[in-house]
Amino acid sequence: ESATRKFNHYIGDERGIAGVEASMDEVLRGPEGQKTIVKDEKGRTIRMSDYTKPGVGAKVRLTIDARAQFLLENTLRLAGRAAGVVMDVNTGEVLAMASVPDYNPNDFIPSISQKNWDAYRTNLQLAPFTNRAISNFTPGSTMKTPTSVAGALAGLATRSFSCDGYVTYGSKQVGCWIWNKSKGRHGTQNLSQAIQHSCNPYFNKLANTIGWKAMVDGCSIVGIGKKTGIELPKEDAGILPGSRAWRAMYPNLVMTPHETAGLSIGQGTSMATPLQMCAVAATMANGGKYYR
């Protein structure tokens, strides 16, 4: 009597390998089906002994607005290398998100030609496969908004500081753009004037008045240094100087007044993603609700 032999044949499914298709792959696919077929020694099917029907995958509806997306992509192409995010400030829904240069997903169906692949490969410094909207960059002056939040939370919303063109920290000088441009200065300003003028010394002084710990607390509240949790693979968390993650990453650095000044204007070791900064802008626009 011959022993019954069992064989398993798995017929693969289409798999999402990038973007929403990758992060939502499991729900899009649904539960797999299974059937057991009994055959005789000639390979003829005798019967099917059990059958589990494959489940239907869930539908995923994007919040993307096709027209906004079209406009954003075409506008960014004029810049050449850029990223942009448009968000509904009252819900936190992403209405458009684009990163250029990008790639055409249709080039990969059913498989990519050597010519197309070589064209993408030779452009690696342009990083067509990177979604810049969720990648780390030096945030620069966009960090002045989280700095304002930190200052306001520490009770300095109505405080004025003077801009004499630059602030000196030991042997290092942090200049204002108006000083670097024409040896100009903004003089005494309140918070809203400093935001309008994008004045470096104001925010350098504000940050060092409240101290780096208050800066970390305030910036954390509007999501700096944390992933937003958007349903996309490979989202960067950014880097918030002074945070626990920053201290692990830079064990030899300390939050000196100069480092704190750098954080206040998005310089030094601070990093953020365009999506994070869009979420901050939405929080300002809707009166203080941070949507995840």
Protein backbone atom coordinates (compact mmCIF):
# COMPACT_ATOMS: atom_id res chain seq x y z
CA GLU A 1 0.00 0.00 0.00
CA SER A 2 1.59 3.27 -1.08
CA ALA A 3 1.74 6.13 1.39
CA THR A 4 -0.43 9.11 0.51
CA ARG A 5 1.79 11.96 -0.58
CA LYS A 6 0.81 15.57 -0.05
CA PHE A 7 1.90 18.41 -2.28
CA ASN A 8 1.42 22.09 -1.70
CA HIS A 9 1.24 24.43 -4.66
CA TYR A 10 1.00 28.10 -3.88
CA ILE A 11 -0.18 30.30 -6.73
CA GLY A 12 1.18 33.74 -5.94
CA ASP A 13 -0.91 36.89 -5.81
CA GLU A 14 -0.10 40.27 -7.25
CA ARG A 15 1.76 42.17 -4.57
CA GLY A 16 1.93 45.88 -3.85
CA ILE A 17 5.59 46.88 -3.67
CA ALA A 18 5.52 50.68 -3.33
CA GLY A 19 3.42 53.46 -1.83
CA VAL A 20 -0.10 52.85 -0.59
CA GLU A 21 -0.21 49.53 -2.46
CA ALA A 22 2.63 48.25 -0.28
CA SER A 23 1.40 49.57 3.07
CA MET A 24 -2.19 48.44 2.42
CA ASP A 25 -1.21 45.19 0.68
CA GLU A 26 -2.70 42.92 3.33
CA VAL A 27 -6.16 44.50 3.34
CA LEU A 28 -6.24 44.91 -0.45
CA ARG A 29 -5.50 41.22 -1.02
CA GLY A 30 -7.97 39.66 1.36
CA PRO A 31 -7.72 36.15 2.88
CA GLU A 32 -6.35 33.47 0.57
CA GLY A 33 -8.33 30.52 -0.68
CA GLN A 34 -7.41 26.84 -0.50
CA LYS A 35 -8.51 23.66 -2.22
CA THR A 36 -7.46 20.04 -1.87
CA ILE A 37 -7.59 17.94 -5.02
CA VAL A 38 -7.34 14.12 -4.95
CA LYS A 39 -5.77 12.54 -8.08
CA ASP A 40 -5.11 8.98 -9.16
CA GLU A 41 -1.71 7.59 -10.17
CA LYS A 42 -2.25 8.79 -13.77
CA GLY A 43 -2.68 12.35 -12.53
CA ARG A 44 -6.44 12.41 -13.24
CA THR A 45 -8.54 14.37 -10.78
CA ILE A 46 -10.81 12.08 -8.78
CA ARG A 47 -12.40 14.65 -6.50
CA MET A 48 -11.93 17.90 -4.66
CA SER A 49 -12.02 17.10 -0.96
CA ASP A 50 -12.23 20.55 0.57
CA TYR A 51 -12.38 24.10 -0.64
CA THR A 52 -12.01 27.47 1.06
CA LYS A 53 -13.12 30.31 -1.14
CA PRO A 54 -10.64 33.21 -1.35
CA GLY A 55 -11.96 36.30 0.42
CA VAL A 56 -12.42 39.60 -1.34
CA GLY A 57 -9.88 42.27 -0.40
CA ALA A 58 -11.05 45.53 1.13
CA LYS A 59 -11.49 48.60 -0.99
CA VAL A 60 -9.11 51.44 -0.15
CA ARG A 61 -10.30 54.93 -0.92
CA LEU A 62 -7.66 57.64 -1.09
CA THR A 63 -8.24 61.19 0.12
CA ILE A 64 -6.29 62.47 -2.92
CA ASP A 65 -8.15 65.07 -5.00
CA ALA A 66 -7.26 64.29 -8.63
CA ARG A 67 -7.32 67.93 -9.77
CA ALA A 68 -5.22 69.19 -6.86
CA GLN A 69 -2.78 66.32 -7.47
CA PHE A 70 -2.53 67.16 -11.19
CA LEU A 71 -1.87 70.85 -10.43
CA LEU A 72 0.70 70.07 -7.74
CA GLU A 73 2.66 67.62 -9.91
CA ASN A 74 2.77 69.96 -12.90
CA THR A 75 3.80 72.93 -10.74
CA LEU A 76 6.59 70.94 -9.07
CA ARG A 77 7.92 69.84 -12.46
CA LEU A 78 8.73 73.50 -13.16
CA ALA A 79 11.04 73.40 -10.14
CA GLY A 80 12.72 70.20 -11.35
CA ARG A 81 13.46 68.60 -8.00
CA ALA A 82 10.86 69.23 -5.32
CA ALA A 83 8.12 67.85 -3.09
CA GLY A 84 4.75 69.20 -2.07
CA VAL A 85 1.87 68.28 0.22
CA VAL A 86 -1.64 69.77 0.29
CA MET A 87 -3.76 69.00 3.35
CA ASP A 88 -7.35 69.71 4.39
CA VAL A 89 -6.74 71.75 7.56
CA ASN A 90 -10.05 70.67 9.10
CA THR A 91 -9.58 66.91 8.76
CA GLY A 92 -5.85 66.30 8.23
CA GLU A 93 -6.64 64.46 4.98
CA VAL A 94 -3.90 64.66 2.36
CA LEU A 95 -5.49 66.11 -0.79
CA ALA A 96 -2.32 66.04 -2.88
CA MET A 97 1.23 64.78 -2.43
CA ALA A 98 3.94 64.71 -5.04
CA SER A 99 7.68 64.27 -5.37
CA VAL A 100 9.62 65.00 -8.55
CA PRO A 101 11.44 63.67 -10.42
CA ASP A 102 9.40 60.49 -10.08
CA TYR A 103 8.84 57.37 -12.16
CA ASN A 104 6.00 55.96 -14.20
CA PRO A 105 4.62 52.84 -12.47
CA ASN A 106 3.31 51.60 -15.85
CA ASP A 107 6.95 51.09 -16.91
CA PHE A 108 7.07 48.13 -14.50
CA ILE A 109 4.07 46.26 -15.95
CA PRO A 110 4.46 43.39 -16.72
CA SER A 111 8.19 44.00 -16.23
CA ILE A 112 10.51 46.91 -16.89
CA SER A 113 12.62 47.04 -20.06
CA GLN A 114 16.40 47.24 -19.72
CA LYS A 115 16.36 50.61 -21.52
CA ASN A 116 13.88 52.15 -19.06
CA TRP A 117 15.61 50.62 -16.05
CA ASP A 118 19.00 51.97 -17.20
CA ALA A 119 17.46 55.42 -17.62
CA TYR A 120 16.19 55.33 -14.02
CA ARG A 121 19.46 53.86 -12.72
CA THR A 122 21.65 56.53 -14.32
CA ASN A 123 19.52 59.18 -12.63
CA LEU A 124 20.01 57.87 -9.12
CA GLN A 125 21.28 61.23 -7.85
CA LEU A 126 17.84 62.58 -8.83
CA ALA A 127 16.37 59.74 -6.74
CA PRO A 128 13.24 59.01 -8.82
CA PHE A 129 12.22 56.21 -6.42
CA THR A 130 12.39 58.39 -3.29
CA ASN A 131 9.23 60.05 -2.03
CA ARG A 132 10.70 63.38 -0.92
CA ALA A 133 7.43 64.40 0.74
CA ILE A 134 8.10 61.91 3.55
CA SER A 135 11.92 62.21 3.56
CA ASN A 136 14.18 64.19 5.90
CA PHE A 137 15.45 67.64 4.92
CA THR A 138 16.89 70.63 6.76
CA PRO A 139 13.67 72.54 7.50
CA GLY A 140 15.23 76.02 7.65
CA SER A 141 12.86 78.89 8.42
CA THR A 142 9.75 76.66 8.41
CA MET A 143 10.92 75.66 11.94
CA LYS A 144 10.18 79.20 13.15
CA THR A 145 6.50 78.20 13.42
CA PRO A 146 7.08 75.28 15.84
CA THR A 147 9.50 77.59 17.71
CA SER A 148 6.67 80.13 18.02
CA VAL A 149 4.39 77.42 19.44
CA ALA A 150 7.07 76.44 21.98
CA GLY A 151 7.54 80.10 22.96
CA ALA A 152 3.80 80.70 23.33
CA LEU A 153 3.36 77.52 25.43
CA ALA A 154 6.17 78.77 27.69
CA GLY A 155 4.29 82.06 28.21
CA LEU A 156 6.24 84.30 25.81
CA ALA A 157 3.55 84.88 23.16
CA THR A 158 3.60 88.65 23.74
CA ARG A 159 7.33 89.05 24.31
CA SER A 160 9.41 91.38 22.09
CA PHE A 161 13.08 90.83 21.19
CA SER A 162 15.43 93.06 19.26
CA CYS A 163 17.24 92.15 16.05
CA ASP A 164 20.65 93.85 15.89
CA GLY A 165 21.54 91.91 12.75
CA TYR A 166 23.11 88.90 14.43
CA VAL A 167 23.54 87.00 17.70
CA THR A 168 26.94 85.82 18.92
CA TYR A 169 27.45 82.50 20.70
CA GLY A 170 31.06 82.15 21.85
CA SER A 171 33.09 82.38 18.64
CA LYS A 172 30.07 81.66 16.42
CA GLN A 173 27.80 84.28 14.91
CA VAL A 174 24.25 83.59 13.70
CA GLY A 175 23.28 86.32 11.25
CA CYS A 176 19.88 87.51 10.12
CA TRP A 177 19.22 87.36 6.37
CA ILE A 178 18.84 91.15 6.32
CA TRP A 179 22.28 91.50 7.95
CA ASN A 180 23.91 89.04 5.54
CA LYS A 181 22.31 90.86 2.62
CA SER A 182 22.89 94.52 3.47
CA LYS A 183 24.11 94.79 7.09
CA GLY A 184 20.49 95.62 7.96
CA ARG A 185 18.58 94.88 11.17
CA HIS A 186 14.93 94.51 12.11
CA GLY A 187 15.04 96.32 15.47
CA THR A 188 12.49 95.47 18.17
CA GLN A 189 9.68 93.17 17.10
CA ASN A 190 6.84 91.15 18.55
CA LEU A 191 6.13 87.54 17.57
CA SER A 192 3.90 88.18 14.56
CA GLN A 193 6.31 90.77 13.15
CA ALA A 194 9.22 88.35 13.58
CA ILE A 195 7.27 85.68 11.67
CA GLN A 196 6.47 88.19 8.90
CA HIS A 197 10.12 89.23 8.66
CA SER A 198 11.44 85.67 9.14
CA CYS A 199 13.94 87.16 11.59
CA ASN A 200 16.67 84.78 12.84
CA PRO A 201 17.83 86.70 15.97
CA TYR A 202 14.27 86.97 17.30
CA PHE A 203 13.81 83.19 17.27
CA ASN A 204 17.37 82.53 18.48
CA LYS A 205 16.65 84.69 21.52
CA LEU A 206 13.15 83.30 22.05
CA ALA A 207 14.45 79.71 22.07
CA ASN A 208 17.30 80.44 24.45
CA THR A 209 15.01 82.40 26.79
CA ILE A 210 12.67 79.42 27.23
CA GLY A 211 15.57 76.93 27.09
CA TRP A 212 16.09 73.81 25.00
CA LYS A 213 13.85 71.53 27.11
CA ALA A 214 10.84 73.81 26.53
CA MET A 215 11.80 73.88 22.85
CA VAL A 216 11.71 70.07 22.69
CA ASP A 217 8.33 69.98 24.47
CA GLY A 218 6.75 72.61 22.22
CA CYS A 219 8.10 71.18 18.97
CA SER A 220 6.99 67.67 19.98
CA ILE A 221 3.40 68.86 20.43
CA VAL A 222 3.22 69.71 16.71
CA GLY A 223 4.86 66.43 15.68
CA ILE A 224 8.49 67.46 15.06
CA GLY A 225 10.80 64.43 15.37
CA LYS A 226 7.92 61.93 15.09
CA LYS A 227 6.43 60.06 12.14
CA THR A 228 2.99 61.34 11.21
CA GLY A 229 1.89 57.71 10.74
CA ILE A 230 0.66 58.24 7.17
CA GLU A 231 -0.12 54.94 5.43
CA LEU A 232 3.04 54.96 3.32
CA PRO A 233 6.21 52.87 3.62
CA LYS A 234 9.58 54.42 4.54
CA GLU A 235 8.35 57.59 6.24
CA ASP A 236 11.19 59.43 7.98
CA ALA A 237 10.64 60.71 11.52
CA GLY A 238 12.83 63.79 11.20
CA ILE A 239 15.31 64.78 13.91
CA LEU A 240 14.43 67.02 16.86
CA PRO A 241 17.64 68.26 18.55
CA GLY A 242 17.51 67.69 22.32
CA SER A 243 15.05 64.79 22.06
CA ARG A 244 15.88 61.30 23.31
CA ALA A 245 16.33 60.05 19.72
CA TRP A 246 18.72 62.95 19.00
CA ARG A 247 20.79 62.20 22.12
CA ALA A 248 21.10 58.56 21.01
CA MET A 249 22.10 59.64 17.51
CA TYR A 250 24.61 62.29 18.62
CA PRO A 251 26.01 61.10 21.97
CA ASN A 252 28.85 63.65 21.76
CA LEU A 253 26.64 66.71 21.24
CA VAL A 254 24.98 68.79 23.94
CA MET A 255 22.24 71.40 23.60
CA THR A 256 24.44 74.48 23.79
CA PRO A 257 22.88 77.94 23.28
CA HIS A 258 24.29 77.81 19.73
CA GLU A 259 22.67 74.40 19.03
CA THR A 260 19.39 75.69 20.50
CA ALA A 261 19.59 78.77 18.25
CA GLY A 262 20.15 76.43 15.28
CA LEU A 263 17.04 74.42 16.17
CA SER A 264 14.94 77.60 16.43
CA ILE A 265 15.56 78.42 12.76
CA GLY A 266 15.71 74.85 11.42
CA GLN A 267 19.49 74.65 11.06
CA GLY A 268 22.21 72.53 12.69
CA THR A 269 21.19 68.90 13.18
CA SER A 270 17.42 69.48 12.89
CA MET A 271 15.55 67.57 10.17
CA ALA A 272 11.90 67.41 9.11
CA THR A 273 9.76 66.13 6.25
CA PRO A 274 7.57 68.28 3.98
CA LEU A 275 4.56 66.30 5.28
CA GLN A 276 5.43 67.18 8.91
CA MET A 277 5.72 70.87 8.03
CA CYS A 278 2.41 70.73 6.16
CA ALA A 279 0.78 69.26 9.29
CA VAL A 280 2.25 72.14 11.34
CA ALA A 281 0.87 74.69 8.86
CA ALA A 282 -2.55 73.01 9.01
CA THR A 283 -2.46 73.20 12.82
CA MET A 284 -1.84 76.96 12.63
CA ALA A 285 -4.56 77.42 10.01
CA ASN A 286 -7.31 75.61 11.93
CA GLY A 287 -6.65 77.28 15.26
CA GLY A 288 -4.60 74.63 17.01
CA LYS A 289 -5.81 71.11 16.21
CA TYR A 290 -3.00 68.76 15.23
CA TYR A 291 -4.46 66.02 13.04
CA ARG A 292 -2.76 62.69 12.77
